[in-house]
N, C-alpha and C. Protein backbone atom coordinates (compact mmCIF):
# COMPACT_ATOMS: atom_id res chain seq x y z
N MET A 1 -6.64 -18.37 11.50
CA MET A 1 -7.29 -17.87 10.39
C MET A 1 -6.79 -18.13 9.02
N SER A 2 -7.63 -18.65 8.21
CA SER A 2 -7.29 -19.08 6.95
C SER A 2 -6.76 -18.17 6.03
N ASN A 3 -6.24 -18.40 4.91
CA ASN A 3 -5.79 -17.19 3.90
C ASN A 3 -7.16 -16.60 3.24
N ARG A 4 -8.12 -17.56 3.01
CA ARG A 4 -9.26 -17.03 2.48
C ARG A 4 -10.00 -16.08 3.34
N ALA A 5 -10.10 -16.31 4.52
CA ALA A 5 -10.80 -15.37 5.52
C ALA A 5 -9.86 -14.16 5.65
N ALA A 6 -8.70 -14.33 5.62
CA ALA A 6 -7.79 -13.03 5.91
C ALA A 6 -7.81 -12.19 4.64
N GLY A 7 -8.00 -12.85 3.38
CA GLY A 7 -8.10 -12.21 2.34
C GLY A 7 -9.49 -11.44 2.12
N GLY A 8 -10.48 -12.11 2.50
CA GLY A 8 -11.70 -11.41 2.61
C GLY A 8 -11.95 -10.40 3.50
N LEU A 9 -11.29 -10.47 4.74
CA LEU A 9 -11.32 -9.46 5.65
C LEU A 9 -10.48 -8.30 5.26
N SER A 10 -9.33 -8.42 4.53
CA SER A 10 -8.59 -7.31 3.95
C SER A 10 -9.31 -6.72 2.83
N LEU A 11 -10.01 -7.53 2.05
CA LEU A 11 -10.77 -6.89 0.77
C LEU A 11 -11.92 -6.00 1.30
N PHE A 12 -12.58 -6.48 2.44
CA PHE A 12 -13.66 -5.78 3.05
C PHE A 12 -13.17 -4.56 3.71
N ALA A 13 -11.92 -4.45 4.34
CA ALA A 13 -11.45 -3.25 4.98
C ALA A 13 -11.06 -2.24 3.81
N ALA A 14 -10.58 -2.70 2.87
CA ALA A 14 -10.06 -1.85 1.76
C ALA A 14 -11.33 -1.15 1.10
N LEU A 15 -12.34 -1.87 0.84
CA LEU A 15 -13.55 -1.38 0.22
C LEU A 15 -14.22 -0.42 1.25
N ALA A 16 -14.25 -0.69 2.56
CA ALA A 16 -14.88 0.30 3.58
C ALA A 16 -14.00 1.44 3.48
N LEU A 17 -12.75 1.45 3.63
CA LEU A 17 -11.97 2.67 3.57
C LEU A 17 -12.18 3.46 2.40
N PHE A 18 -12.14 2.84 1.14
CA PHE A 18 -12.45 3.50 -0.01
C PHE A 18 -13.88 4.38 -0.07
N ALA A 19 -14.71 3.59 0.44
CA ALA A 19 -16.05 4.09 0.46
C ALA A 19 -16.08 5.35 1.50
N LEU A 20 -15.54 5.20 2.71
CA LEU A 20 -15.57 6.43 3.51
C LEU A 20 -14.67 7.52 3.03
N TYR A 21 -13.58 7.10 2.34
CA TYR A 21 -12.66 8.24 1.84
C TYR A 21 -13.39 8.94 0.54
N THR A 22 -14.21 8.24 -0.18
CA THR A 22 -14.89 8.91 -1.25
C THR A 22 -15.96 9.56 -0.71
N LEU A 23 -16.73 9.30 0.21
CA LEU A 23 -17.76 9.99 0.84
C LEU A 23 -17.17 11.50 1.39
N TRP A 24 -16.02 11.15 2.05
CA TRP A 24 -15.51 12.46 2.92
C TRP A 24 -14.96 13.30 1.86
N ALA A 25 -14.16 12.81 0.82
CA ALA A 25 -13.37 13.80 -0.12
C ALA A 25 -14.24 14.23 -1.24
N ILE A 26 -15.10 13.46 -1.71
CA ILE A 26 -15.90 13.76 -2.99
C ILE A 26 -17.33 14.25 -2.65
N VAL A 27 -18.00 13.54 -1.85
CA VAL A 27 -19.56 13.72 -1.76
C VAL A 27 -19.68 15.00 -0.84
N LEU A 28 -19.08 14.97 0.50
CA LEU A 28 -19.35 16.08 1.41
C LEU A 28 -19.03 17.44 1.08
N PRO A 29 -18.09 17.71 0.19
CA PRO A 29 -17.88 19.19 -0.37
C PRO A 29 -19.05 19.61 -1.13
N LEU A 30 -19.95 18.72 -1.66
CA LEU A 30 -20.97 18.92 -2.39
C LEU A 30 -22.27 19.33 -1.62
N LEU A 31 -22.22 18.79 -0.31
CA LEU A 31 -23.37 18.97 0.35
C LEU A 31 -23.23 20.47 1.27
N PRO A 32 -24.33 21.07 1.65
CA PRO A 32 -24.39 22.27 2.39
C PRO A 32 -23.54 22.18 3.84
N ASP A 33 -22.84 23.32 4.03
CA ASP A 33 -22.15 23.24 5.24
C ASP A 33 -22.73 23.05 6.72
N ASP A 34 -24.15 23.36 6.61
CA ASP A 34 -24.80 23.32 7.77
C ASP A 34 -25.36 22.07 8.10
N LEU A 35 -25.01 20.96 7.36
CA LEU A 35 -25.60 19.56 7.78
C LEU A 35 -24.60 19.06 8.92
N ALA A 36 -25.28 18.34 9.82
CA ALA A 36 -24.62 17.81 11.11
C ALA A 36 -23.48 16.83 10.73
N ILE A 37 -23.58 16.17 9.55
CA ILE A 37 -22.60 15.18 9.24
C ILE A 37 -21.12 15.87 9.20
N HIS A 38 -21.14 17.20 8.84
CA HIS A 38 -19.81 17.77 8.66
C HIS A 38 -19.06 18.03 10.22
N ALA A 39 -20.02 17.81 11.22
CA ALA A 39 -19.28 17.83 12.50
C ALA A 39 -18.59 16.60 12.87
N TYR A 40 -18.74 15.52 12.28
CA TYR A 40 -18.12 14.18 12.41
C TYR A 40 -17.02 13.81 11.68
N VAL A 41 -16.71 14.67 10.75
CA VAL A 41 -15.50 14.13 9.80
C VAL A 41 -14.43 15.32 9.95
N PRO A 42 -13.21 14.97 9.68
CA PRO A 42 -12.04 16.04 9.78
C PRO A 42 -12.21 17.03 8.65
N ASP A 43 -11.27 17.99 8.96
CA ASP A 43 -11.38 19.12 7.93
C ASP A 43 -10.92 18.58 6.61
N ARG A 44 -11.47 19.19 5.47
CA ARG A 44 -11.11 18.88 4.26
C ARG A 44 -9.51 18.76 3.74
N ARG A 45 -8.81 19.61 4.26
CA ARG A 45 -7.53 19.71 3.98
C ARG A 45 -6.81 18.05 4.26
N TRP A 46 -7.43 17.61 5.28
CA TRP A 46 -6.92 16.26 5.58
C TRP A 46 -7.03 15.16 4.51
N ALA A 47 -8.04 15.56 3.57
CA ALA A 47 -8.37 14.61 2.45
C ALA A 47 -7.08 14.53 1.68
N VAL A 48 -6.29 15.56 1.52
CA VAL A 48 -5.06 15.48 0.75
C VAL A 48 -3.78 15.16 1.67
N THR A 49 -3.92 15.77 2.86
CA THR A 49 -2.73 15.71 3.60
C THR A 49 -2.60 14.28 4.01
N ALA A 50 -3.44 13.60 4.56
CA ALA A 50 -3.27 12.24 5.14
C ALA A 50 -2.70 11.20 4.10
N PRO A 51 -3.30 11.16 2.83
CA PRO A 51 -2.80 10.30 1.73
C PRO A 51 -1.44 10.63 1.49
N SER A 52 -1.09 11.88 1.37
CA SER A 52 0.27 12.31 1.20
C SER A 52 1.31 11.86 2.07
N ILE A 53 0.88 11.87 3.54
CA ILE A 53 1.78 11.35 4.47
C ILE A 53 1.89 9.87 4.54
N VAL A 54 0.88 9.30 4.11
CA VAL A 54 1.10 7.67 4.16
C VAL A 54 1.89 7.44 2.86
N LEU A 55 1.82 8.21 1.88
CA LEU A 55 2.47 7.76 0.58
C LEU A 55 4.02 8.10 0.82
N ALA A 56 4.34 9.14 1.59
CA ALA A 56 5.70 9.51 1.77
C ALA A 56 6.30 8.38 2.60
N VAL A 57 5.59 8.21 3.75
CA VAL A 57 6.04 7.11 4.76
C VAL A 57 6.12 5.75 4.03
N GLY A 58 5.27 5.34 3.16
CA GLY A 58 5.48 4.07 2.47
C GLY A 58 6.63 3.99 1.47
N LEU A 59 6.80 5.20 0.61
CA LEU A 59 7.91 5.29 -0.29
C LEU A 59 9.03 5.22 0.58
N GLY A 60 9.30 5.84 1.49
CA GLY A 60 10.54 6.02 2.50
C GLY A 60 10.75 4.54 2.95
N THR A 61 9.79 3.88 3.39
CA THR A 61 10.11 2.43 3.92
C THR A 61 10.61 1.60 2.90
N VAL A 62 9.97 1.68 1.76
CA VAL A 62 10.34 0.89 0.50
C VAL A 62 11.81 1.17 0.19
N GLY A 63 11.97 2.47 0.12
CA GLY A 63 13.38 2.91 -0.20
C GLY A 63 14.56 2.39 0.79
N ILE A 64 14.19 2.47 2.15
CA ILE A 64 15.16 1.90 2.91
C ILE A 64 15.43 0.46 2.92
N TYR A 65 14.10 -0.26 2.62
CA TYR A 65 14.27 -1.76 2.33
C TYR A 65 15.14 -2.09 1.32
N ILE A 66 15.03 -1.22 0.19
CA ILE A 66 15.88 -1.62 -1.13
C ILE A 66 17.25 -1.30 -0.68
N ALA A 67 17.58 -0.10 -0.12
CA ALA A 67 19.05 0.28 0.31
C ALA A 67 19.61 -0.75 1.19
N ALA A 68 18.84 -1.47 2.02
CA ALA A 68 19.32 -2.37 3.06
C ALA A 68 19.70 -3.63 2.41
N LEU A 69 18.92 -3.99 1.17
CA LEU A 69 19.25 -5.21 0.36
C LEU A 69 20.47 -5.00 -0.33
N LEU A 70 20.58 -3.79 -1.11
CA LEU A 70 21.77 -3.41 -1.76
C LEU A 70 22.85 -3.45 -1.10
N ARG A 71 22.82 -2.82 0.21
CA ARG A 71 24.07 -2.75 0.93
C ARG A 71 24.43 -4.26 1.36
N LYS A 72 23.56 -5.07 1.70
CA LYS A 72 23.86 -6.34 2.18
C LYS A 72 24.44 -7.22 0.98
N ASP A 73 24.02 -6.99 -0.24
CA ASP A 73 24.54 -7.76 -1.35
C ASP A 73 25.97 -7.17 -1.70
N ALA A 74 26.11 -5.85 -1.46
CA ALA A 74 27.31 -5.43 -1.76
C ALA A 74 28.56 -5.83 -0.81
N LEU A 75 28.06 -5.89 0.52
CA LEU A 75 28.87 -6.41 1.51
C LEU A 75 29.31 -7.88 1.27
N GLN A 76 28.20 -8.73 0.89
CA GLN A 76 28.75 -10.23 0.34
C GLN A 76 29.56 -10.36 -0.78
N ASP A 77 29.48 -9.33 -1.76
CA ASP A 77 30.34 -9.42 -2.76
C ASP A 77 31.62 -8.94 -2.47
N LEU A 78 31.90 -7.92 -1.59
CA LEU A 78 33.11 -7.46 -1.03
C LEU A 78 33.82 -8.58 -0.17
N GLN A 79 33.07 -9.26 0.66
CA GLN A 79 33.53 -10.28 1.46
C GLN A 79 34.05 -11.48 0.52
N ALA A 80 33.41 -11.80 -0.69
CA ALA A 80 33.68 -12.90 -1.63
C ALA A 80 35.01 -12.39 -2.15
N GLN A 81 35.21 -11.15 -2.61
CA GLN A 81 36.21 -10.69 -3.21
C GLN A 81 37.66 -10.81 -2.47
N ARG A 82 37.34 -10.50 -1.11
CA ARG A 82 38.46 -10.54 -0.11
C ARG A 82 38.95 -11.84 0.10
N GLU A 83 38.01 -12.98 -0.01
CA GLU A 83 38.49 -14.19 0.07
C GLU A 83 38.88 -15.05 -1.14
N GLY A 84 38.76 -14.15 -2.22
CA GLY A 84 39.26 -14.61 -3.59
C GLY A 84 38.36 -15.52 -4.30
N ARG A 85 37.02 -15.54 -3.75
CA ARG A 85 36.16 -16.39 -4.45
C ARG A 85 35.65 -15.49 -5.97
N ILE A 86 35.30 -16.40 -7.00
CA ILE A 86 34.94 -15.84 -8.30
C ILE A 86 33.45 -15.52 -8.02
N LEU A 87 32.93 -14.22 -8.52
CA LEU A 87 31.63 -14.04 -8.24
C LEU A 87 31.05 -14.38 -9.54
N ALA A 88 29.75 -14.86 -9.52
CA ALA A 88 28.80 -15.15 -10.43
C ALA A 88 27.76 -14.07 -10.46
N ASP A 89 27.37 -13.57 -11.59
CA ASP A 89 26.26 -12.48 -11.82
C ASP A 89 25.17 -13.15 -11.81
């Protein structure tokens, strides 16, 4: 798959998710509760809970990645100091 096709597919997926989330979180609460469409969507509390969980997992993943990079760099600096090499900033 070419980069252009992958980018187009990613853009389409993002726009589709945005449209569905907007419909679910913003438009559906304005409609009467007796409409059949309410039976096909999750409870409204998930409109806040799901993005919060995704944000927490994403931030945790980024934090762990940064911590691993910092640890790796610190171990390399420590190894260089033990070998008596001069460290360049």
